[in-house]
Protein backbone atom coordinates (compact mmCIF):
# COMPACT_ATOMS: atom_id res chain seq x y z
CA MET A 1 -0.72 37.92 15.10
CA THR A 2 -2.84 38.10 11.98
CA ALA A 3 -3.64 35.08 9.84
CA ASP A 4 -2.80 34.55 6.20
CA ILE A 5 -6.01 32.60 5.65
CA VAL A 6 -9.13 32.21 7.76
CA LEU A 7 -11.73 29.57 6.94
CA THR A 8 -15.09 30.45 8.47
CA ASN A 9 -18.56 28.98 8.69
CA ALA A 10 -17.25 25.41 8.67
CA THR A 11 -17.80 22.19 10.58
CA VAL A 12 -14.24 21.36 11.56
CA TYR A 13 -13.47 17.90 12.96
CA THR A 14 -9.95 18.14 14.36
CA VAL A 15 -9.16 14.53 15.41
CA ASP A 16 -7.85 16.11 18.62
CA GLY A 17 -9.36 14.74 21.81
CA ALA A 18 -8.79 18.00 23.67
CA ARG A 19 -10.93 19.93 21.18
CA PRO A 20 -12.62 17.72 18.59
CA TRP A 21 -14.83 20.37 16.97
CA ALA A 22 -14.50 23.95 15.78
CA SER A 23 -16.18 26.28 13.29
CA SER A 24 -13.15 28.22 12.03
CA LEU A 25 -9.57 27.55 11.04
CA ALA A 26 -6.84 30.21 10.89
CA ILE A 27 -3.60 29.58 8.99
CA LYS A 28 -0.23 31.35 9.18
CA ASP A 29 2.93 30.41 7.26
CA GLY A 30 1.45 27.08 6.21
CA LYS A 31 0.57 26.00 9.76
CA VAL A 32 -2.56 25.98 11.87
CA LEU A 33 -2.53 29.21 13.85
CA SER A 34 -5.85 28.94 15.65
CA LEU A 35 -9.21 27.27 15.68
CA GLU A 36 -10.84 30.65 16.15
CA ASP A 37 -11.78 33.41 13.74
CA ILE A 38 -8.91 35.58 14.94
CA GLU A 39 -7.73 39.05 14.00
CA ARG A 40 -7.48 39.64 10.29
CA GLY A 41 -4.97 41.84 8.52
CA PRO A 42 -5.44 43.74 5.27
CA ASN A 43 -4.01 40.80 3.31
CA THR A 44 -5.85 38.01 5.12
CA GLU A 45 -7.75 35.76 2.75
CA VAL A 46 -11.17 34.82 4.14
CA VAL A 47 -12.85 31.66 2.85
CA ASP A 48 -16.51 31.12 3.73
CA LEU A 49 -17.13 27.35 3.52
CA GLU A 50 -20.89 27.70 3.94
CA GLY A 51 -21.10 24.99 6.57
CA ALA A 52 -18.93 22.42 4.76
CA PHE A 53 -17.23 19.61 6.68
CA VAL A 54 -13.48 19.97 7.22
CA MET A 55 -11.11 17.37 8.66
CA PRO A 56 -7.36 16.70 8.63
CA GLY A 57 -5.77 15.60 5.39
CA LEU A 58 -5.92 11.84 4.99
CA VAL A 59 -2.77 9.83 5.72
CA ASP A 60 -1.97 6.63 3.82
CA VAL A 61 0.58 4.50 5.66
CA HIS A 62 1.08 2.03 2.81
CA ASN A 63 1.03 2.67 -0.90
CA HIS A 64 3.26 2.51 -3.96
CA HIS A 65 2.59 5.94 -5.43
CA ALA A 66 5.29 5.84 -8.10
CA LEU A 67 4.41 2.35 -9.32
CA ALA A 68 0.78 3.47 -9.56
CA GLY A 69 1.83 6.55 -11.52
CA ARG A 70 4.04 4.47 -13.78
CA ALA A 71 1.20 2.03 -14.45
CA ALA A 72 -1.25 4.83 -15.26
CA LEU A 73 1.13 6.63 -17.62
CA PHE A 74 3.11 3.87 -19.29
CA GLU A 75 1.40 0.47 -18.90
CA LEU A 76 -1.68 -1.54 -19.88
CA ASN A 77 -4.45 -1.45 -17.29
CA PHE A 78 -7.45 -3.72 -16.87
CA GLY A 79 -9.71 -4.28 -13.87
CA LEU A 80 -10.03 -7.23 -11.52
CA ASP A 81 -13.30 -8.16 -13.17
CA ALA A 82 -11.44 -9.01 -16.39
CA GLY A 83 -11.61 -12.66 -17.38
CA LEU A 84 -9.13 -14.49 -19.58
CA ASP A 85 -10.80 -13.42 -22.83
CA ASP A 86 -10.95 -9.79 -21.66
CA ILE A 87 -7.25 -9.80 -20.80
CA LEU A 88 -6.28 -11.36 -24.11
CA ALA A 89 -8.33 -8.76 -25.97
CA ALA A 90 -6.63 -5.94 -24.03
CA VAL A 91 -3.18 -7.38 -24.78
CA HIS A 92 -4.04 -7.75 -28.47
CA SER A 93 -5.16 -4.12 -28.66
CA ARG A 94 -2.06 -2.86 -26.86
CA ALA A 95 0.33 -4.98 -28.91
CA ALA A 96 -1.09 -3.71 -32.19
CA GLY A 97 0.66 -0.37 -31.66
CA LEU A 98 4.05 -1.79 -30.66
CA GLY A 99 7.19 -2.84 -32.49
CA PRO A 100 7.91 -6.54 -33.07
CA ASP A 101 9.80 -7.08 -29.80
CA GLU A 102 8.41 -4.31 -27.58
CA TRP A 103 7.02 -5.41 -24.22
CA VAL A 104 3.39 -5.42 -23.13
CA VAL A 105 3.45 -4.66 -19.40
CA GLY A 106 0.48 -4.17 -17.11
CA GLY A 107 -2.18 -5.66 -14.87
CA ALA A 108 -3.80 -6.57 -12.67
CA TRP A 109 -5.37 -9.99 -13.06
CA ALA A 110 -7.44 -11.40 -10.20
CA SER A 111 -5.91 -13.94 -7.82
CA THR A 112 -8.84 -16.21 -8.53
CA LEU A 113 -7.47 -16.71 -12.08
CA VAL A 114 -4.34 -18.55 -10.95
CA GLY A 115 -5.79 -21.93 -11.89
CA THR A 116 -7.06 -20.72 -15.25
CA LEU A 117 -3.72 -19.19 -16.19
CA SER A 118 -1.59 -22.07 -14.91
CA ARG A 119 -1.85 -23.97 -18.20
CA SER A 120 0.40 -23.98 -21.23
CA SER A 121 -2.67 -23.42 -23.41
CA ALA A 122 -3.27 -20.09 -21.66
CA ARG A 123 0.34 -19.04 -22.34
CA HIS A 124 -0.04 -19.99 -26.01
CA ALA A 125 -3.19 -17.86 -26.19
CA LEU A 126 -1.22 -14.98 -24.65
CA ASP A 127 1.53 -15.45 -27.24
CA GLU A 128 -1.02 -15.26 -30.03
CA ALA A 129 -2.72 -12.17 -28.59
CA ALA A 130 0.64 -10.40 -28.31
CA GLY A 131 1.85 -11.45 -31.73
CA GLY A 132 4.82 -13.20 -30.19
CA ARG A 133 5.92 -10.16 -28.20
CA PRO A 134 7.18 -10.35 -24.62
CA VAL A 135 4.35 -9.86 -22.10
CA MET A 136 4.46 -9.45 -18.32
CA LEU A 137 1.18 -9.00 -16.45
CA SER A 138 1.01 -8.65 -12.65
CA ASP A 139 -1.67 -10.12 -10.42
CA ASP A 140 -3.75 -8.12 -7.93
CA SER A 141 -1.17 -8.58 -5.15
CA ARG A 142 1.66 -7.44 -7.48
CA HIS A 143 3.62 -10.41 -6.11
CA ASN A 144 3.07 -12.75 -9.06
CA ARG A 145 3.42 -12.57 -12.84
CA TRP A 146 1.82 -14.12 -15.91
CA VAL A 147 4.25 -13.95 -18.83
CA SER A 148 4.47 -14.96 -22.46
CA SER A 149 6.85 -17.43 -24.08
CA ARG A 150 9.01 -14.61 -25.46
CA ALA A 151 9.32 -13.07 -21.97
CA LEU A 152 10.44 -16.45 -20.59
CA GLU A 153 12.96 -16.72 -23.40
CA LEU A 154 14.42 -13.25 -22.76
CA ALA A 155 14.63 -14.01 -19.03
CA GLY A 156 16.36 -17.33 -19.67
CA VAL A 157 13.64 -19.31 -17.89
CA THR A 158 13.32 -22.87 -19.25
CA SER A 159 12.16 -26.27 -18.06
CA SER A 160 15.62 -26.84 -16.58
CA THR A 161 15.70 -23.55 -14.63
CA PRO A 162 15.51 -24.26 -10.89
CA ASP A 163 13.04 -22.42 -8.71
CA PRO A 164 14.77 -19.42 -7.13
CA ALA A 165 14.85 -18.98 -3.36
CA GLY A 166 11.51 -17.54 -2.34
CA GLY A 167 9.82 -18.22 -5.66
CA GLU A 168 8.21 -20.86 -7.84
CA ILE A 169 8.10 -21.38 -11.59
CA VAL A 170 4.74 -23.07 -12.13
CA ARG A 171 5.25 -25.99 -14.54
CA ASP A 172 3.16 -28.25 -16.71
CA PRO A 173 2.87 -31.50 -14.71
CA SER A 174 3.31 -33.67 -17.82
CA THR A 175 6.17 -31.86 -19.58
CA GLY A 176 7.85 -29.82 -16.84
CA GLU A 177 7.87 -26.72 -19.03
CA PRO A 178 6.99 -23.33 -17.47
CA VAL A 179 3.32 -22.53 -18.01
CA GLY A 180 3.88 -18.77 -17.68
CA ILE A 181 2.90 -18.21 -14.04
CA LEU A 182 5.83 -17.01 -11.91
CA LEU A 183 5.23 -16.78 -8.18
CA GLU A 184 7.04 -14.28 -5.96
CA ALA A 185 10.82 -14.19 -6.60
CA ALA A 186 10.47 -16.25 -9.78
CA GLY A 187 9.21 -13.11 -11.50
CA VAL A 188 12.35 -11.09 -10.78
CA ALA A 189 14.23 -12.63 -13.75
CA VAL A 190 11.54 -11.29 -16.08
CA GLU A 191 11.55 -7.88 -14.36
CA ARG A 192 15.29 -7.68 -15.00
CA ALA A 193 14.92 -8.77 -18.61
CA LEU A 194 12.35 -6.02 -19.03
CA SER A 195 14.67 -3.42 -17.49
CA GLU A 196 17.37 -4.25 -20.04
CA THR A 197 15.17 -3.07 -22.89
CA ARG A 198 12.73 -0.63 -21.25
CA THR A 199 14.27 1.80 -18.79
CA LEU A 200 12.34 4.87 -17.71
CA THR A 201 14.17 8.18 -17.92
CA ALA A 202 14.66 10.43 -14.88
CA ASP A 203 11.92 12.71 -16.25
CA GLN A 204 9.54 9.75 -16.59
CA HIS A 205 10.19 8.73 -12.98
CA VAL A 206 9.40 12.31 -11.91
CA ALA A 207 6.25 12.23 -14.04
CA ALA A 208 5.18 8.94 -12.41
CA SER A 209 5.61 10.34 -8.90
CA ARG A 210 3.90 13.60 -9.85
CA HIS A 211 0.95 11.70 -11.32
CA GLY A 212 0.69 9.41 -8.30
CA ILE A 213 0.71 12.32 -5.85
CA GLY A 214 -1.83 14.21 -7.92
CA THR A 215 -4.15 11.22 -7.75
CA LEU A 216 -3.64 11.02 -3.98
CA HIS A 217 -4.55 14.70 -3.68
CA SER A 218 -7.82 14.04 -5.51
CA TYR A 219 -8.70 11.63 -2.70
CA GLY A 220 -7.61 14.00 0.06
CA VAL A 221 -4.29 12.35 0.92
CA THR A 222 -1.66 14.83 2.14
CA ALA A 223 0.83 12.40 3.72
CA PHE A 224 1.82 8.88 2.80
CA GLN A 225 4.41 6.17 3.20
CA ASP A 226 5.68 4.50 0.05
CA ALA A 227 6.12 0.87 1.05
CA GLY A 228 9.09 -0.01 -1.18
CA VAL A 229 11.22 2.42 -3.16
CA SER A 230 14.03 2.25 -5.68
CA SER A 231 16.83 4.77 -5.96
CA ASP A 232 14.99 6.15 -9.01
CA ILE A 233 11.92 6.86 -6.90
CA LEU A 234 14.04 8.48 -4.18
CA ARG A 235 15.69 10.67 -6.80
CA ALA A 236 12.33 11.68 -8.29
CA LEU A 237 10.94 12.72 -4.91
CA LYS A 238 14.04 14.79 -4.18
CA SER A 239 13.78 16.44 -7.58
CA LEU A 240 10.14 17.35 -7.01
CA ASP A 241 10.86 18.81 -3.58
CA ASP A 242 13.87 20.78 -4.79
CA ALA A 243 11.61 22.27 -7.47
CA GLY A 244 8.94 23.18 -4.91
CA GLU A 245 6.52 20.65 -6.36
CA LEU A 246 6.34 18.02 -3.60
CA ARG A 247 3.10 19.01 -1.89
CA ALA A 248 2.78 16.10 0.51
CA TRP A 249 4.65 14.60 3.43
CA VAL A 250 6.36 11.49 2.09
CA VAL A 251 8.06 8.75 4.09
CA SER A 252 9.98 6.21 2.01
CA SER A 253 10.69 2.57 2.85
CA LEU A 254 14.10 1.27 1.73
CA LEU A 255 14.03 -2.31 0.48
CA ILE A 256 16.15 -4.79 2.44
CA ASN A 257 15.06 -7.74 0.32
CA ASP A 258 13.17 -7.66 -2.95
CA PRO A 259 11.28 -10.78 -4.00
CA ILE A 260 9.04 -8.99 -6.50
CA PHE A 261 10.26 -5.67 -7.95
CA GLY A 262 13.75 -6.41 -9.25
CA PHE A 263 15.11 -3.07 -7.96
CA ASP A 264 18.84 -2.43 -7.65
CA PRO A 265 20.40 -1.48 -5.28
CA ILE A 266 18.67 -2.89 -2.21
CA GLY A 267 19.81 -3.69 1.32
CA ALA A 268 22.96 -2.09 2.74
CA PRO A 269 23.97 -0.30 -0.51
CA LEU A 270 20.56 1.41 -0.67
CA LEU A 271 20.73 2.42 2.99
CA GLU A 272 24.12 4.00 2.36
CA VAL A 273 22.86 6.39 -0.34
CA ALA A 274 19.31 7.10 0.87
CA GLY A 275 20.30 10.00 3.10
CA LYS A 276 21.24 12.22 0.19
CA TYR A 277 17.64 12.15 -1.01
CA ARG A 278 16.25 13.58 2.25
CA SER A 279 14.50 16.93 1.81
CA GLU A 280 11.98 19.18 3.52
CA HIS A 281 8.96 17.01 2.74
CA HIS A 282 10.64 13.67 1.99
CA ARG A 283 11.91 11.41 4.75
CA PRO A 284 13.57 8.09 3.80
CA ASP A 285 13.10 6.93 7.40
CA PHE A 286 12.04 3.28 7.11
CA VAL A 287 13.38 0.01 5.80
CA LYS A 288 11.05 -2.53 4.23
CA ILE A 289 11.36 -6.28 4.72
CA PHE A 290 9.24 -8.86 2.92
CA LEU A 291 8.92 -11.67 5.46
CA ASP A 292 6.49 -13.79 3.44
CA GLY A 293 4.35 -13.76 0.30
CA VAL A 294 0.57 -13.84 -0.06
CA PRO A 295 -2.03 -16.47 0.91
CA PRO A 296 -3.69 -17.15 -2.48
CA THR A 297 -0.44 -18.60 -3.86
CA ARG A 298 0.37 -20.36 -0.55
CA THR A 299 3.45 -18.21 0.00
CA ALA A 300 2.27 -16.57 3.24
CA ALA A 301 3.66 -18.19 6.40
CA PHE A 302 1.04 -19.71 8.72
CA LEU A 303 1.14 -21.45 12.07
CA GLU A 304 -1.43 -23.99 10.83
CA PRO A 305 -1.34 -25.60 7.37
CA TYR A 306 -3.13 -24.65 4.19
CA LEU A 307 -5.80 -26.85 2.71
CA PRO A 308 -4.10 -29.81 1.00
CA ASP A 309 -3.39 -29.64 -2.72
CA THR A 310 -1.47 -31.76 -5.20
CA ALA A 311 1.52 -29.42 -5.39
CA HIS A 312 2.16 -28.95 -1.67
CA GLY A 313 0.48 -31.84 0.13
CA ALA A 314 -1.41 -31.71 3.41
CA CYS A 315 1.16 -30.12 5.73
CA HIS A 316 2.21 -27.00 3.85
CA HIS A 317 2.48 -23.93 6.10
CA GLY A 318 4.37 -21.55 3.83
CA ALA A 319 7.66 -20.13 5.05
CA THR A 320 9.29 -16.87 6.01
CA THR A 321 11.87 -15.36 3.68
CA MET A 322 14.57 -15.34 6.35
CA PRO A 323 15.27 -16.98 9.71
CA GLY A 324 14.57 -15.14 12.94
CA ASP A 325 18.20 -14.26 13.65
CA GLU A 326 18.56 -12.60 10.25
CA LEU A 327 15.39 -10.59 10.82
CA VAL A 328 16.66 -9.46 14.21
CA GLY A 329 19.93 -8.46 12.57
CA TRP A 330 18.23 -6.27 9.99
CA LEU A 331 15.96 -4.63 12.58
CA ARG A 332 19.03 -3.91 14.70
CA THR A 333 20.94 -2.54 11.70
CA ALA A 334 18.04 -0.22 10.88
CA ALA A 335 17.70 0.97 14.47
CA GLU A 336 21.44 1.62 14.74
CA ALA A 337 21.16 3.81 11.63
CA GLY A 338 18.26 5.75 13.15
CA LEU A 339 15.75 4.06 10.87
CA SER A 340 12.45 2.33 11.53
CA ALA A 341 11.06 -0.79 9.86
CA LYS A 342 7.97 -1.93 7.98
CA VAL A 343 7.69 -5.74 7.76
CA HIS A 344 5.35 -7.38 5.23
CA CYS A 345 3.46 -10.20 6.99
CA THR A 346 0.33 -11.80 5.56
CA GLY A 347 0.32 -15.03 7.59
CA ASP A 348 0.13 -15.35 11.38
CA ALA A 349 3.49 -17.14 11.56
CA SER A 350 5.28 -14.18 9.97
CA VAL A 351 3.45 -11.80 12.32
CA ARG A 352 4.67 -13.81 15.30
CA ALA A 353 8.22 -13.94 13.92
CA THR A 354 8.20 -10.15 13.57
CA LEU A 355 6.92 -9.61 17.11
CA ASP A 356 9.55 -12.03 18.43
CA ALA A 357 12.28 -10.13 16.59
CA VAL A 358 11.06 -6.74 17.80
CA GLU A 359 10.98 -8.06 21.36
CA LYS A 360 14.67 -8.95 21.12
CA VAL A 361 15.63 -5.60 19.59
CA ARG A 362 13.63 -3.68 22.19
CA ALA A 363 15.40 -5.66 24.94
CA GLU A 364 18.72 -4.45 23.50
CA GLY A 365 17.68 -0.85 24.23
CA PHE A 366 16.33 0.30 20.86
CA THR A 367 13.26 2.08 22.18
CA GLU A 368 12.96 4.89 19.63
CA ALA A 369 12.69 2.90 16.40
CA ARG A 370 9.20 2.49 14.99
CA PHE A 371 8.07 -0.91 13.79
CA GLN A 372 5.08 -1.74 11.60
CA VAL A 373 3.51 -5.07 10.72
CA ALA A 374 2.26 -4.47 7.20
CA HIS A 375 -1.05 -6.14 6.28
CA GLY A 376 -1.17 -8.68 9.12
CA GLN A 377 -4.56 -9.96 8.01
CA PHE A 378 -4.11 -12.99 10.25
CA VAL A 379 -2.97 -12.61 13.86
CA HIS A 380 -3.01 -15.39 16.44
CA PRO A 381 -5.07 -14.34 19.49
CA ASP A 382 -2.03 -14.78 21.74
CA ASP A 383 -0.18 -12.15 19.74
CA LEU A 384 -2.83 -9.41 19.83
CA PRO A 385 -1.66 -7.78 23.10
CA ARG A 386 1.97 -7.87 21.97
CA PHE A 387 1.46 -5.06 19.45
CA ALA A 388 0.85 -2.45 22.14
CA ALA A 389 3.32 -3.99 24.58
CA LEU A 390 6.14 -3.83 22.02
CA GLY A 391 5.14 -0.58 20.36
CA VAL A 392 4.40 -2.22 17.01
CA ALA A 393 1.88 -0.51 14.73
CA ALA A 394 -0.61 -2.53 12.70
CA ASP A 395 -0.49 -1.25 9.11
CA ILE A 396 -3.84 -2.42 7.77
CA SER A 397 -5.34 -2.31 4.28
CA PRO A 398 -9.13 -2.71 4.60
CA PHE A 399 -9.41 -2.24 0.83
CA LEU A 400 -8.01 -5.77 0.46
CA TRP A 401 -9.96 -7.83 2.95
CA VAL A 402 -13.58 -6.74 2.82
CA PRO A 403 -15.62 -9.27 0.80
CA GLY A 404 -14.07 -9.31 -2.65
CA VAL A 405 -11.66 -11.04 -5.02
CA ILE A 406 -8.73 -11.46 -2.65
CA PRO A 407 -10.77 -12.90 0.27
CA ALA A 408 -12.44 -15.24 -2.22
CA ALA A 409 -9.01 -16.43 -3.37
CA ILE A 410 -7.88 -16.89 0.24
CA ALA A 411 -10.99 -18.95 0.96
CA GLU A 412 -9.82 -21.41 -1.71
CA VAL A 413 -6.61 -22.20 0.15
CA LEU A 414 -7.49 -21.92 3.86
CA PRO A 415 -10.16 -23.71 5.91
CA GLY A 416 -13.33 -21.64 6.18
CA ASP A 417 -13.06 -21.02 9.91
CA ARG A 418 -9.65 -19.42 9.36
CA ALA A 419 -10.21 -17.71 6.01
CA GLY A 420 -13.05 -15.62 7.42
CA ARG A 421 -11.14 -14.36 10.46
CA MET A 422 -9.12 -11.62 8.84
CA GLN A 423 -8.05 -8.27 10.23
CA PRO A 424 -8.99 -8.26 13.94
CA ASN A 425 -9.17 -4.48 14.14
CA ARG A 426 -11.60 -4.26 17.05
CA SER A 427 -9.42 -6.57 19.09
CA LEU A 428 -6.22 -4.70 18.20
CA LEU A 429 -7.71 -1.38 19.27
CA ASP A 430 -9.12 -2.86 22.45
CA GLU A 431 -5.65 -4.17 23.27
CA GLY A 432 -4.23 -0.66 22.86
CA ALA A 433 -2.46 -1.16 19.52
CA LEU A 434 -1.75 1.69 17.16
CA VAL A 435 -3.78 0.81 14.05
CA ALA A 436 -2.84 2.76 10.92
CA GLY A 437 -4.68 2.80 7.60
CA GLY A 438 -3.10 2.13 4.23
CA SER A 439 -4.47 1.55 0.75
CA ASP A 440 -1.64 -0.56 -0.75
CA TRP A 441 -2.54 1.21 -3.99
CA PRO A 442 -2.18 0.08 -6.79
CA VAL A 443 -2.81 -3.37 -5.28
CA SER A 444 -6.11 -1.74 -4.38
CA GLU A 445 -7.64 -0.16 -7.46
CA SER A 446 -7.73 3.32 -5.91
CA PRO A 447 -6.32 5.10 -2.84
CA ASN A 448 -9.76 6.32 -1.78
CA ALA A 449 -9.60 6.19 2.03
CA TRP A 450 -13.40 6.29 2.23
CA GLU A 451 -13.49 2.81 0.76
CA GLY A 452 -11.26 1.73 3.63
CA ILE A 453 -13.23 3.66 6.24
CA HIS A 454 -16.48 2.17 4.91
CA GLY A 455 -14.95 -1.32 5.23
CA LEU A 456 -13.66 -0.68 8.75
CA VAL A 457 -17.08 0.45 9.96
CA THR A 458 -19.32 -2.01 8.10
CA ARG A 459 -16.96 -4.93 7.26
CA GLN A 460 -18.80 -5.01 3.93
CA ASP A 461 -17.76 -4.54 0.30
CA PRO A 462 -18.07 -0.79 -0.39
CA THR A 463 -18.96 -1.44 -4.04
CA GLY A 464 -21.85 -3.73 -3.13
CA THR A 465 -20.60 -6.32 -5.62
CA PHE A 466 -19.82 -8.99 -3.03
CA PRO A 467 -22.49 -9.77 -0.42
CA GLY A 468 -22.13 -10.34 3.29
CA ALA A 469 -19.80 -9.05 5.98
CA LEU A 470 -16.38 -10.39 6.88
CA TRP A 471 -16.08 -11.09 10.63
CA PRO A 472 -18.53 -8.27 11.54
CA GLU A 473 -17.63 -8.48 15.23
CA GLN A 474 -14.37 -6.71 14.34
CA ALA A 475 -16.09 -3.53 13.10
CA ILE A 476 -14.90 -0.26 14.62
CA THR A 477 -16.59 3.12 15.03
CA LEU A 478 -16.48 5.92 12.47
CA ALA A 479 -14.43 8.15 14.80
CA GLU A 480 -11.92 5.32 15.24
CA ALA A 481 -11.80 4.68 11.49
CA VAL A 482 -11.18 8.34 10.71
CA GLU A 483 -8.33 8.39 13.22
CA VAL A 484 -6.89 5.22 11.63
CA PHE A 485 -6.57 7.17 8.35
CA THR A 486 -5.31 10.42 9.89
CA LEU A 487 -3.52 10.79 13.23
CA ALA A 488 -2.81 7.10 13.85
CA ALA A 489 -1.24 6.65 10.41
CA ALA A 490 0.80 9.83 10.89
CA ARG A 491 2.09 8.55 14.23
CA ALA A 492 2.96 5.16 12.78
CA MET A 493 5.20 6.76 10.15
CA GLY A 494 6.80 9.31 12.48
CA LEU A 495 4.78 12.36 11.43
CA GLY A 496 2.46 12.65 14.41
CA ASP A 497 4.01 15.94 15.48
CA VAL A 498 3.65 17.36 11.97
CA THR A 499 0.26 16.34 10.60
CA GLY A 500 -2.75 14.06 11.16
CA SER A 501 -4.81 16.42 13.34
CA LEU A 502 -5.77 20.08 13.26
CA VAL A 503 -4.08 21.70 16.23
CA PRO A 504 -2.09 24.94 16.42
CA GLY A 505 1.48 24.48 15.25
CA LYS A 506 0.88 21.56 12.91
CA SER A 507 0.94 21.75 9.14
CA ALA A 508 -2.30 23.12 7.73
CA ASP A 509 -3.20 19.92 5.88
CA PHE A 510 -6.92 19.40 5.55
CA VAL A 511 -9.75 18.36 3.27
CA VAL A 512 -13.20 19.72 2.59
CA LEU A 513 -15.87 17.05 2.07
CA ASP A 514 -19.20 17.04 0.27
CA ARG A 515 -20.97 15.78 3.39
CA ASP A 516 -20.65 15.30 7.13
CA PRO A 517 -19.70 11.61 7.50
CA PHE A 518 -20.97 11.60 11.07
CA ARG A 519 -24.43 12.39 9.72
CA THR A 520 -24.19 9.85 6.89
CA ASP A 521 -25.67 6.36 6.81
CA PRO A 522 -22.72 3.97 7.31
CA ALA A 523 -23.83 2.10 4.17
CA ALA A 524 -23.18 5.30 2.19
CA LEU A 525 -19.80 6.30 3.65
CA VAL A 526 -18.05 5.21 0.46
CA LYS A 527 -19.94 7.91 -1.43
CA THR A 528 -18.09 10.62 0.50
CA LYS A 529 -16.19 12.90 -1.91
CA VAL A 530 -13.32 15.29 -1.38
CA THR A 531 -14.09 18.71 -2.85
CA GLN A 532 -10.87 20.45 -1.76
CA THR A 533 -7.47 19.30 -0.53
CA TRP A 534 -5.07 21.69 1.22
CA PHE A 535 -1.42 21.03 2.03
CA ALA A 536 0.63 23.39 4.21
CA GLY A 537 -1.97 26.10 3.78
CA HIS A 538 -2.15 25.83 -0.01
CA ARG A 539 -5.01 24.34 -1.98
CA VAL A 540 -3.63 21.48 -4.07
CA TYR A 541 -6.90 20.03 -5.35
CA HIS A 542 -10.31 21.44 -6.13
CA GLN A 543 -13.15 19.37 -7.52
CA ALA A 544 -14.04 20.63 -10.96
């Protein structure tokens, strides 16, 4: 059998234990045919890579590609280094080109600004910058909102509005009026007010997904799991695939509950319609459950309490979004429908609750369903071996926990001995857990897996902005980190037989790098660049 394409003179790292290295790669009908320079036909394309390093396409088990595309195309963007004055200036500039009641939407402000923004004076400054227009700005976790007075008015949020279940309207302690910070589910009212006046068209949703996937290609990502989709996103992915434009393996996560996005439908109605959006490269195979919030706003659920503060007292642990029986019910419902589940857990109590629920569902005979603990920065030592025992994958986002803004914000609300013990990756691997890499982009500022790999290996900030190392004993090897962002992530999302390693029969998804990472100083891993990205035997990105 002759190959369509043969890549020669390469350093090929396969992420296959049976044959980790090769020097050639032969492709037929979009799949890996051989790791040898096999017989060529008259139409075989031969590509001499001149010794370049080749590895499987990167796999991102947790991102929000369409939201990232939407933000890039249609929203205001400013970096996490922006202070209050910088944000106000950006809002003022954006508002200058808008009509009198058009929305300013964007982000992301740093978690460390919660205190600064939790004052009525800050909201008044935002009103002035926006010229009285409605404004909604997300924080770095995308779980919380800072909004203007006009946005509160349109959402019907006043001093007499009760806090919604799973959310908090931050109020001025002397007047009781909303200061403009809306935590978790409290922001949904504003999201819905926004949707009444600014609805993206079907073509704009397609453009957002196309832009997001194009950005992923530029970082070498050929397969990913979107961690929370709307019906609009499902429809856009189906449209792209039907048009032959979906050049990635995509697994979608169907929202069971929605404390932050304001999507509709969710839960059972979404599960009922998701199947019609399945296509060759798109698999709506997971449900997504938010079981808690995020630590900086004290909405993550912990076994031990947060540091005391005036709003919550000395015994605040946070809470899960649903009781254990309800969680078991949803996991069972998903499994009965042939679906798997991703559960958002940022505190160790929510991690334990998820493991307890999975244990019950496994005992009922549901052995095929895949389960993921998403984020799981904090895991009680007693629960580490349970991941492997129960077949639960750890969906980790090293972009978010190396020294940086988010760990600094967490250190303000948790005792130091707990705040610094995030992401026990070495321990999880040693216990036999499947550890899968995700960016959580656009919560992270880019989906560059080499930032994550750098963090996994060094436990240090890849940018060099923040000093020190976070729990360095939990560092893993480069080979392990590469597998976390390739084969392990593919397995976690049900694509292990399709992609994630370069073996005959799998999709010919691979990247060409500007260096051999195994011959690179670990402190320089983040400088690794993708020069080419190939999906199913077709080049989808080439560095200009």
